[in-house]
Amino acid sequence: MVGEKFDIVVNVGRPKSINYRMQVEITYHSKQVIRVVITGGQKSLTMEKYLFRKSHQWKINNLDLNHQKSIQSQSEAILRIQNTIDAYFKENNIN
């Protein structure tokens, strides 16, 4: 489980915008937390998913995005990334 890498494709903008391919690596896994590093190009994002919570499961530890976009558009992009990773976890029984 730890060290497992997989690719995701996420549309982080408007419906007709470009799809982005990102690599996700699971760096830590326990009964309570899964920590992942998401990289795409020169940008990276480190997040934790708390398995014991019912809501607000994701926490961003490190955000390295070099964009001057609005906070709302960055939040929407991060939410789409989280949903894509959640779908992968559910599909592969990672929890």
PDB file of N, CA and C in Angstrom:
ATOM      1  N   MET A   1       0.827  -1.183   0.000  1.00  0.00           N
ATOM      2  CA  MET A   1       0.000   0.000   0.000  1.00  0.00           C
ATOM      3  C   MET A   1       0.881   1.261   0.000  1.00  0.00           C
ATOM      4  N   VAL A   2       1.764   1.409   0.992  1.00  0.00           N
ATOM      5  CA  VAL A   2       2.651   2.565   1.016  1.00  0.00           C
ATOM      6  C   VAL A   2       3.607   2.457  -0.162  1.00  0.00           C
ATOM      7  N   GLY A   3       3.799   3.543  -0.869  1.00  0.00           N
ATOM      8  CA  GLY A   3       4.633   3.545  -2.058  1.00  0.00           C
ATOM      9  C   GLY A   3       3.861   3.281  -3.334  1.00  0.00           C
ATOM     10  N   GLU A   4       2.585   2.941  -3.218  1.00  0.00           N
ATOM     11  CA  GLU A   4       1.758   2.694  -4.397  1.00  0.00           C
ATOM     12  C   GLU A   4       1.556   3.999  -5.159  1.00  0.00           C
ATOM     13  N   LYS A   5       1.735   3.936  -6.466  1.00  0.00           N
ATOM     14  CA  LYS A   5       1.557   5.110  -7.319  1.00  0.00           C
ATOM     15  C   LYS A   5       0.482   4.815  -8.350  1.00  0.00           C
ATOM     16  N   PHE A   6      -0.304   5.829  -8.648  1.00  0.00           N
ATOM     17  CA  PHE A   6      -1.309   5.701  -9.692  1.00  0.00           C
ATOM     18  C   PHE A   6      -1.538   7.069 -10.306  1.00  0.00           C
ATOM     19  N   ASP A   7      -2.052   7.070 -11.521  1.00  0.00           N
ATOM     20  CA  ASP A   7      -2.322   8.311 -12.243  1.00  0.00           C
ATOM     21  C   ASP A   7      -3.802   8.630 -12.187  1.00  0.00           C
ATOM     22  N   ILE A   8      -4.107   9.913 -12.119  1.00  0.00           N
ATOM     23  CA  ILE A   8      -5.485  10.373 -12.217  1.00  0.00           C
ATOM     24  C   ILE A   8      -5.545  11.431 -13.309  1.00  0.00           C
ATOM     25  N   VAL A   9      -6.709  11.570 -13.906  1.00  0.00           N
ATOM     26  CA  VAL A   9      -6.952  12.613 -14.898  1.00  0.00           C
ATOM     27  C   VAL A   9      -8.106  13.450 -14.376  1.00  0.00           C
ATOM     28  N   VAL A  10      -7.847  14.750 -14.217  1.00  0.00           N
ATOM     29  CA  VAL A  10      -8.823  15.640 -13.607  1.00  0.00           C
ATOM     30  C   VAL A  10      -9.009  16.864 -14.484  1.00  0.00           C
ATOM     31  N   ASN A  11     -10.261  17.243 -14.675  1.00  0.00           N
ATOM     32  CA  ASN A  11     -10.592  18.500 -15.330  1.00  0.00           C
ATOM     33  C   ASN A  11     -10.725  19.534 -14.221  1.00  0.00           C
ATOM     34  N   VAL A  12      -9.746  20.420 -14.090  1.00  0.00           N
ATOM     35  CA  VAL A  12      -9.727  21.339 -12.958  1.00  0.00           C
ATOM     36  C   VAL A  12     -10.315  22.714 -13.271  1.00  0.00           C
ATOM     37  N   GLY A  13     -10.873  22.862 -14.432  1.00  0.00           N
ATOM     38  CA  GLY A  13     -11.430  24.154 -14.794  1.00  0.00           C
ATOM     39  C   GLY A  13     -12.868  24.045 -15.226  1.00  0.00           C
ATOM     40  N   ARG A  14     -13.208  24.844 -16.181  1.00  0.00           N
ATOM     41  CA  ARG A  14     -14.563  24.816 -16.728  1.00  0.00           C
ATOM     42  C   ARG A  14     -14.800  23.495 -17.450  1.00  0.00           C
ATOM     43  N   PRO A  15     -16.055  23.183 -17.743  1.00  0.00           N
ATOM     44  CA  PRO A  15     -16.349  21.892 -18.386  1.00  0.00           C
ATOM     45  C   PRO A  15     -15.596  21.635 -19.686  1.00  0.00           C
ATOM     46  N   LYS A  16     -15.284  22.662 -20.448  1.00  0.00           N
ATOM     47  CA  LYS A  16     -14.598  22.448 -21.725  1.00  0.00           C
ATOM     48  C   LYS A  16     -13.102  22.734 -21.636  1.00  0.00           C
ATOM     49  N   SER A  17     -12.563  22.821 -20.430  1.00  0.00           N
ATOM     50  CA  SER A  17     -11.140  23.111 -20.296  1.00  0.00           C
ATOM     51  C   SER A  17     -10.317  21.828 -20.433  1.00  0.00           C
ATOM     52  N   ILE A  18      -9.037  21.978 -20.311  1.00  0.00           N
ATOM     53  CA  ILE A  18      -8.097  20.879 -20.526  1.00  0.00           C
ATOM     54  C   ILE A  18      -8.106  19.926 -19.336  1.00  0.00           C
ATOM     55  N   ASN A  19      -7.978  18.636 -19.616  1.00  0.00           N
ATOM     56  CA  ASN A  19      -7.813  17.638 -18.564  1.00  0.00           C
ATOM     57  C   ASN A  19      -6.338  17.561 -18.187  1.00  0.00           C
ATOM     58  N   TYR A  20      -6.065  17.420 -16.906  1.00  0.00           N
ATOM     59  CA  TYR A  20      -4.700  17.343 -16.411  1.00  0.00           C
ATOM     60  C   TYR A  20      -4.435  15.952 -15.849  1.00  0.00           C
ATOM     61  N   ARG A  21      -3.272  15.406 -16.198  1.00  0.00           N
ATOM     62  CA  ARG A  21      -2.853  14.112 -15.668  1.00  0.00           C
ATOM     63  C   ARG A  21      -1.928  14.381 -14.487  1.00  0.00           C
ATOM     64  N   MET A  22      -2.207  13.698 -13.379  1.00  0.00           N
ATOM     65  CA  MET A  22      -1.417  13.863 -12.168  1.00  0.00           C
ATOM     66  C   MET A  22      -1.036  12.497 -11.632  1.00  0.00           C
ATOM     67  N   GLN A  23       0.104  12.446 -10.962  1.00  0.00           N
ATOM     68  CA  GLN A  23       0.538  11.204 -10.339  1.00  0.00           C
ATOM     69  C   GLN A  23       0.306  11.308  -8.839  1.00  0.00           C
ATOM     70  N   VAL A  24      -0.284  10.265  -8.274  1.00  0.00           N
ATOM     71  CA  VAL A  24      -0.586  10.209  -6.847  1.00  0.00           C
ATOM     72  C   VAL A  24       0.247   9.090  -6.239  1.00  0.00           C
ATOM     73  N   GLU A  25       0.906   9.390  -5.126  1.00  0.00           N
ATOM     74  CA  GLU A  25       1.677   8.380  -4.405  1.00  0.00           C
ATOM     75  C   GLU A  25       1.192   8.327  -2.962  1.00  0.00           C
ATOM     76  N   ILE A  26       0.903   7.125  -2.490  1.00  0.00           N
ATOM     77  CA  ILE A  26       0.517   6.939  -1.094  1.00  0.00           C
ATOM     78  C   ILE A  26       1.804   6.852  -0.286  1.00  0.00           C
ATOM     79  N   THR A  27       2.022   7.822   0.611  1.00  0.00           N
ATOM     80  CA  THR A  27       3.258   7.864   1.386  1.00  0.00           C
ATOM     81  C   THR A  27       3.088   7.349   2.804  1.00  0.00           C
ATOM     82  N   TYR A  28       1.854   7.268   3.292  1.00  0.00           N
ATOM     83  CA  TYR A  28       1.603   6.777   4.648  1.00  0.00           C
ATOM     84  C   TYR A  28       0.201   6.203   4.697  1.00  0.00           C
ATOM     85  N   HIS A  29       0.050   5.077   5.391  1.00  0.00           N
ATOM     86  CA  HIS A  29      -1.269   4.469   5.518  1.00  0.00           C
ATOM     87  C   HIS A  29      -1.382   3.815   6.885  1.00  0.00           C
ATOM     88  N   SER A  30      -2.425   4.162   7.623  1.00  0.00           N
ATOM     89  CA  SER A  30      -2.729   3.516   8.899  1.00  0.00           C
ATOM     90  C   SER A  30      -4.235   3.310   8.965  1.00  0.00           C
ATOM     91  N   LYS A  31      -4.724   2.847  10.098  1.00  0.00           N
ATOM     92  CA  LYS A  31      -6.166   2.650  10.248  1.00  0.00           C
ATOM     93  C   LYS A  31      -6.921   3.968  10.285  1.00  0.00           C
ATOM     94  N   GLN A  32      -6.210   5.061  10.583  1.00  0.00           N
ATOM     95  CA  GLN A  32      -6.874   6.351  10.737  1.00  0.00           C
ATOM     96  C   GLN A  32      -6.560   7.353   9.643  1.00  0.00           C
ATOM     97  N   VAL A  33      -5.396   7.232   8.999  1.00  0.00           N
ATOM     98  CA  VAL A  33      -4.949   8.269   8.062  1.00  0.00           C
ATOM     99  C   VAL A  33      -4.330   7.640   6.818  1.00  0.00           C
ATOM    100  N   ILE A  34      -4.619   8.251   5.674  1.00  0.00           N
ATOM    101  CA  ILE A  34      -3.902   7.965   4.431  1.00  0.00           C
ATOM    102  C   ILE A  34      -3.295   9.286   3.973  1.00  0.00           C
ATOM    103  N   ARG A  35      -1.982   9.301   3.752  1.00  0.00           N
ATOM    104  CA  ARG A  35      -1.295  10.511   3.295  1.00  0.00           C
ATOM    105  C   ARG A  35      -0.855  10.296   1.853  1.00  0.00           C
ATOM    106  N   VAL A  36      -1.162  11.266   0.997  1.00  0.00           N
ATOM    107  CA  VAL A  36      -0.822  11.162  -0.421  1.00  0.00           C
ATOM    108  C   VAL A  36      -0.080  12.411  -0.871  1.00  0.00           C
ATOM    109  N   VAL A  37       0.774  12.216  -1.876  1.00  0.00           N
ATOM    110  CA  VAL A  37       1.454  13.321  -2.544  1.00  0.00           C
ATOM    111  C   VAL A  37       0.987  13.311  -3.987  1.00  0.00           C
ATOM    112  N   ILE A  38       0.463  14.440  -4.441  1.00  0.00           N
ATOM    113  CA  ILE A  38      -0.042  14.573  -5.803  1.00  0.00           C
ATOM    114  C   ILE A  38       0.907  15.498  -6.553  1.00  0.00           C
ATOM    115  N   THR A  39       1.415  15.050  -7.691  1.00  0.00           N
ATOM    116  CA  THR A  39       2.310  15.873  -8.486  1.00  0.00           C
ATOM    117  C   THR A  39       1.813  15.927  -9.919  1.00  0.00           C
ATOM    118  N   GLY A  40       2.002  17.071 -10.515  1.00  0.00           N
ATOM    119  CA  GLY A  40       1.655  17.267 -11.907  1.00  0.00           C
ATOM    120  C   GLY A  40       2.504  18.393 -12.457  1.00  0.00           C
ATOM    121  N   GLY A  41       3.428  18.065 -13.324  1.00  0.00           N
ATOM    122  CA  GLY A  41       4.341  19.081 -13.821  1.00  0.00           C
ATOM    123  C   GLY A  41       5.250  19.558 -12.703  1.00  0.00           C
ATOM    124  N   GLN A  42       5.292  20.867 -12.481  1.00  0.00           N
ATOM    125  CA  GLN A  42       6.117  21.436 -11.419  1.00  0.00           C
ATOM    126  C   GLN A  42       5.311  21.743 -10.165  1.00  0.00           C
ATOM    127  N   LYS A  43       4.066  21.336 -10.145  1.00  0.00           N
ATOM    128  CA  LYS A  43       3.189  21.613  -9.006  1.00  0.00           C
ATOM    129  C   LYS A  43       3.036  20.357  -8.155  1.00  0.00           C
ATOM    130  N   SER A  44       2.885  20.566  -6.852  1.00  0.00           N
ATOM    131  CA  SER A  44       2.684  19.420  -5.966  1.00  0.00           C
ATOM    132  C   SER A  44       1.724  19.793  -4.849  1.00  0.00           C
ATOM    133  N   LEU A  45       1.155  18.763  -4.259  1.00  0.00           N
ATOM    134  CA  LEU A  45       0.141  18.929  -3.229  1.00  0.00           C
ATOM    135  C   LEU A  45       0.240  17.718  -2.307  1.00  0.00           C
ATOM    136  N   THR A  46       0.357  17.955  -1.004  1.00  0.00           N
ATOM    137  CA  THR A  46       0.384  16.878  -0.026  1.00  0.00           C
ATOM    138  C   THR A  46      -0.883  16.958   0.801  1.00  0.00           C
ATOM    139  N   MET A  47      -1.609  15.840   0.865  1.00  0.00           N
ATOM    140  CA  MET A  47      -2.888  15.832   1.568  1.00  0.00           C
ATOM    141  C   MET A  47      -3.008  14.593   2.436  1.00  0.00           C
ATOM    142  N   GLU A  48      -3.855  14.699   3.458  1.00  0.00           N
ATOM    143  CA  GLU A  48      -4.174  13.573   4.324  1.00  0.00           C
ATOM    144  C   GLU A  48      -5.671  13.346   4.294  1.00  0.00           C
ATOM    145  N   LYS A  49      -6.051  12.078   4.314  1.00  0.00           N
ATOM    146  CA  LYS A  49      -7.462  11.730   4.433  1.00  0.00           C
ATOM    147  C   LYS A  49      -7.651  11.030   5.768  1.00  0.00           C
ATOM    148  N   TYR A  50      -8.520  11.606   6.607  1.00  0.00           N
ATOM    149  CA  TYR A  50      -8.799  11.035   7.917  1.00  0.00           C
ATOM    150  C   TYR A  50      -9.957  10.055   7.779  1.00  0.00           C
ATOM    151  N   LEU A  51      -9.686   8.788   8.008  1.00  0.00           N
ATOM    152  CA  LEU A  51     -10.666   7.735   7.769  1.00  0.00           C
ATOM    153  C   LEU A  51     -11.723   7.648   8.855  1.00  0.00           C
ATOM    154  N   PHE A  52     -11.453   8.198  10.028  1.00  0.00           N
ATOM    155  CA  PHE A  52     -12.400   8.097  11.138  1.00  0.00           C
ATOM    156  C   PHE A  52     -13.440   9.208  11.127  1.00  0.00           C
ATOM    157  N   ARG A  53     -13.284  10.194  10.284  1.00  0.00           N
ATOM    158  CA  ARG A  53     -14.228  11.309  10.216  1.00  0.00           C
ATOM    159  C   ARG A  53     -15.332  11.027   9.208  1.00  0.00           C
ATOM    160  N   LYS A  54     -16.514  11.544   9.497  1.00  0.00           N
ATOM    161  CA  LYS A  54     -17.638  11.434   8.565  1.00  0.00           C
ATOM    162  C   LYS A  54     -17.675  12.625   7.608  1.00  0.00           C
ATOM    163  N   SER A  55     -17.218  13.784   8.066  1.00  0.00           N
ATOM    164  CA  SER A  55     -17.174  14.972   7.212  1.00  0.00           C
ATOM    165  C   SER A  55     -15.815  15.645   7.385  1.00  0.00           C
ATOM    166  N   HIS A  56     -15.478  16.495   6.463  1.00  0.00           N
ATOM    167  CA  HIS A  56     -14.185  17.201   6.467  1.00  0.00           C
ATOM    168  C   HIS A  56     -13.031  16.210   6.608  1.00  0.00           C
ATOM    169  N   GLN A  57     -13.028  15.214   5.725  1.00  0.00           N
ATOM    170  CA  GLN A  57     -12.039  14.141   5.817  1.00  0.00           C
ATOM    171  C   GLN A  57     -10.662  14.548   5.315  1.00  0.00           C
ATOM    172  N   TRP A  58     -10.590  15.517   4.427  1.00  0.00           N
ATOM    173  CA  TRP A  58      -9.319  15.858   3.799  1.00  0.00           C
ATOM    174  C   TRP A  58      -8.669  17.063   4.468  1.00  0.00           C
ATOM    175  N   LYS A  59      -7.343  17.010   4.580  1.00  0.00           N
ATOM    176  CA  LYS A  59      -6.557  18.125   5.097  1.00  0.00           C
ATOM    177  C   LYS A  59      -5.392  18.342   4.140  1.00  0.00           C
ATOM    178  N   ILE A  60      -5.138  19.587   3.793  1.00  0.00           N
ATOM    179  CA  ILE A  60      -4.021  19.927   2.919  1.00  0.00           C
ATOM    180  C   ILE A  60      -2.825  20.260   3.801  1.00  0.00           C
ATOM    181  N   ASN A  61      -1.728  19.528   3.617  1.00  0.00           N
ATOM    182  CA  ASN A  61      -0.519  19.772   4.401  1.00  0.00           C
ATOM    183  C   ASN A  61       0.433  20.719   3.698  1.00  0.00           C
ATOM    184  N   ASN A  62       0.590  20.551   2.395  1.00  0.00           N
ATOM    185  CA  ASN A  62       1.536  21.360   1.647  1.00  0.00           C
ATOM    186  C   ASN A  62       0.937  21.645   0.275  1.00  0.00           C
ATOM    187  N   LEU A  63       0.904  22.908  -0.077  1.00  0.00           N
ATOM    188  CA  LEU A  63       0.311  23.321  -1.344  1.00  0.00           C
ATOM    189  C   LEU A  63       1.343  24.118  -2.116  1.00  0.00           C
ATOM    190  N   ASP A  64       1.763  23.610  -3.266  1.00  0.00           N
ATOM    191  CA  ASP A  64       2.761  24.282  -4.084  1.00  0.00           C
ATOM    192  C   ASP A  64       2.176  24.517  -5.473  1.00  0.00           C
ATOM    193  N   LEU A  65       1.231  25.442  -5.547  1.00  0.00           N
ATOM    194  CA  LEU A  65       0.624  25.819  -6.819  1.00  0.00           C
ATOM    195  C   LEU A  65       1.085  27.221  -7.167  1.00  0.00           C
ATOM    196  N   ASN A  66       1.614  27.376  -8.353  1.00  0.00           N
ATOM    197  CA  ASN A  66       2.131  28.671  -8.780  1.00  0.00           C
ATOM    198  C   ASN A  66       1.131  29.387  -9.674  1.00  0.00           C
ATOM    199  N   HIS A  67      -0.099  29.490  -9.209  1.00  0.00           N
ATOM    200  CA  HIS A  67      -1.146  30.124  -9.995  1.00  0.00           C
ATOM    201  C   HIS A  67      -1.612  31.397  -9.317  1.00  0.00           C
ATOM    202  N   GLN A  68      -2.089  32.314 -10.097  1.00  0.00           N
ATOM    203  CA  GLN A  68      -2.682  33.536  -9.587  1.00  0.00           C
ATOM    204  C   GLN A  68      -4.193  33.471  -9.739  1.00  0.00           C
ATOM    205  N   LYS A  69      -4.741  32.265  -9.646  1.00  0.00           N
ATOM    206  CA  LYS A  69      -6.187  32.098  -9.780  1.00  0.00           C
ATOM    207  C   LYS A  69      -6.872  32.484  -8.486  1.00  0.00           C
ATOM    208  N   SER A  70      -8.170  32.614  -8.563  1.00  0.00           N
ATOM    209  CA  SER A  70      -8.940  32.958  -7.372  1.00  0.00           C
ATOM    210  C   SER A  70      -8.971  31.784  -6.401  1.00  0.00           C
ATOM    211  N   ILE A  71      -9.236  32.078  -5.163  1.00  0.00           N
ATOM    212  CA  ILE A  71      -9.328  31.034  -4.143  1.00  0.00           C
ATOM    213  C   ILE A  71     -10.452  30.067  -4.482  1.00  0.00           C
ATOM    214  N   GLN A  72     -11.544  30.583  -5.031  1.00  0.00           N
ATOM    215  CA  GLN A  72     -12.678  29.723  -5.373  1.00  0.00           C
ATOM    216  C   GLN A  72     -12.294  28.708  -6.442  1.00  0.00           C
ATOM    217  N   SER A  73     -11.584  29.131  -7.476  1.00  0.00           N
ATOM    218  CA  SER A  73     -11.214  28.193  -8.540  1.00  0.00           C
ATOM    219  C   SER A  73     -10.196  27.171  -8.039  1.00  0.00           C
ATOM    220  N   GLN A  74      -9.273  27.589  -7.156  1.00  0.00           N
ATOM    221  CA  GLN A  74      -8.335  26.630  -6.577  1.00  0.00           C
ATOM    222  C   GLN A  74      -9.066  25.628  -5.693  1.00  0.00           C
ATOM    223  N   SER A  75     -10.048  26.107  -4.929  1.00  0.00           N
ATOM    224  CA  SER A  75     -10.823  25.216  -4.061  1.00  0.00           C
ATOM    225  C   SER A  75     -11.597  24.193  -4.880  1.00  0.00           C
ATOM    226  N   GLU A  76     -12.189  24.633  -5.982  1.00  0.00           N
ATOM    227  CA  GLU A  76     -12.930  23.718  -6.848  1.00  0.00           C
ATOM    228  C   GLU A  76     -12.003  22.670  -7.450  1.00  0.00           C
ATOM    229  N   ALA A  77     -10.800  23.087  -7.850  1.00  0.00           N
ATOM    230  CA  ALA A  77      -9.837  22.146  -8.422  1.00  0.00           C
ATOM    231  C   ALA A  77      -9.411  21.111  -7.385  1.00  0.00           C
ATOM    232  N   ILE A  78      -9.140  21.550  -6.168  1.00  0.00           N
ATOM    233  CA  ILE A  78      -8.736  20.630  -5.106  1.00  0.00           C
ATOM    234  C   ILE A  78      -9.870  19.669  -4.781  1.00  0.00           C
ATOM    235  N   LEU A  79     -11.098  20.160  -4.769  1.00  0.00           N
ATOM    236  CA  LEU A  79     -12.252  19.296  -4.503  1.00  0.00           C
ATOM    237  C   LEU A  79     -12.395  18.221  -5.580  1.00  0.00           C
ATOM    238  N   ARG A  80     -12.175  18.575  -6.838  1.00  0.00           N
ATOM    239  CA  ARG A  80     -12.243  17.586  -7.922  1.00  0.00           C
ATOM    240  C   ARG A  80     -11.138  16.542  -7.783  1.00  0.00           C
ATOM    241  N   ILE A  81      -9.952  16.978  -7.377  1.00  0.00           N
ATOM    242  CA  ILE A  81      -8.851  16.037  -7.146  1.00  0.00           C
ATOM    243  C   ILE A  81      -9.214  15.074  -6.017  1.00  0.00           C
ATOM    244  N   GLN A  82      -9.757  15.605  -4.922  1.00  0.00           N
ATOM    245  CA  GLN A  82     -10.155  14.770  -3.790  1.00  0.00           C
ATOM    246  C   GLN A  82     -11.214  13.751  -4.204  1.00  0.00           C
ATOM    247  N   ASN A  83     -12.195  14.185  -4.962  1.00  0.00           N
ATOM    248  CA  ASN A  83     -13.260  13.275  -5.406  1.00  0.00           C
ATOM    249  C   ASN A  83     -12.716  12.173  -6.308  1.00  0.00           C
ATOM    250  N   THR A  84     -11.760  12.514  -7.163  1.00  0.00           N
ATOM    251  CA  THR A  84     -11.158  11.521  -8.048  1.00  0.00           C
ATOM    252  C   THR A  84     -10.361  10.494  -7.250  1.00  0.00           C
ATOM    253  N   ILE A  85      -9.611  10.958  -6.256  1.00  0.00           N
ATOM    254  CA  ILE A  85      -8.836  10.040  -5.415  1.00  0.00           C
ATOM    255  C   ILE A  85      -9.774   9.171  -4.582  1.00  0.00           C
ATOM    256  N   ASP A  86     -10.848   9.763  -4.048  1.00  0.00           N
ATOM    257  CA  ASP A  86     -11.836   8.982  -3.295  1.00  0.00           C
ATOM    258  C   ASP A  86     -12.426   7.863  -4.155  1.00  0.00           C
ATOM    259  N   ALA A  87     -12.725   8.171  -5.410  1.00  0.00           N
ATOM    260  CA  ALA A  87     -13.277   7.156  -6.316  1.00  0.00           C
ATOM    261  C   ALA A  87     -12.265   6.033  -6.543  1.00  0.00           C
ATOM    262  N   TYR A  88     -10.991   6.381  -6.690  1.00  0.00           N
ATOM    263  CA  TYR A  88      -9.947   5.362  -6.854  1.00  0.00           C
ATOM    264  C   TYR A  88      -9.848   4.493  -5.607  1.00  0.00           C
ATOM    265  N   PHE A  89      -9.862   5.120  -4.422  1.00  0.00           N
ATOM    266  CA  PHE A  89      -9.795   4.362  -3.169  1.00  0.00           C
ATOM    267  C   PHE A  89     -10.974   3.407  -3.049  1.00  0.00           C
ATOM    268  N   LYS A  90     -12.161   3.879  -3.393  1.00  0.00           N
ATOM    269  CA  LYS A  90     -13.359   3.041  -3.293  1.00  0.00           C
ATOM    270  C   LYS A  90     -13.287   1.875  -4.279  1.00  0.00           C
ATOM    271  N   GLU A  91     -12.834   2.161  -5.491  1.00  0.00           N
ATOM    272  CA  GLU A  91     -12.736   1.135  -6.531  1.00  0.00           C
ATOM    273  C   GLU A  91     -11.729   0.047  -6.165  1.00  0.00           C
ATOM    274  N   ASN A  92     -10.651   0.432  -5.477  1.00  0.00           N
ATOM    275  CA  ASN A  92      -9.582  -0.515  -5.143  1.00  0.00           C
ATOM    276  C   ASN A  92      -9.589  -0.945  -3.680  1.00  0.00           C
ATOM    277  N   ASN A  93     -10.674  -0.650  -2.973  1.00  0.00           N
ATOM    278  CA  ASN A  93     -10.846  -1.041  -1.565  1.00  0.00           C
ATOM    279  C   ASN A  93      -9.683  -0.593  -0.686  1.00  0.00           C
ATOM    280  N   ILE A  94      -9.267   0.649  -0.847  1.00  0.00           N
ATOM    281  CA  ILE A  94      -8.220   1.223  -0.008  1.00  0.00           C
ATOM    282  C   ILE A  94      -8.908   2.056   1.058  1.00  0.00           C
ATOM    283  N   ASN A  95      -8.830   1.605   2.281  1.00  0.00           N
ATOM    284  CA  ASN A  95      -9.402   2.364   3.401  1.00  0.00           C
ATOM    285  C   ASN A  95      -8.889   1.841   4.710  1.00  0.00           C
TER     286      ASN A  95
END
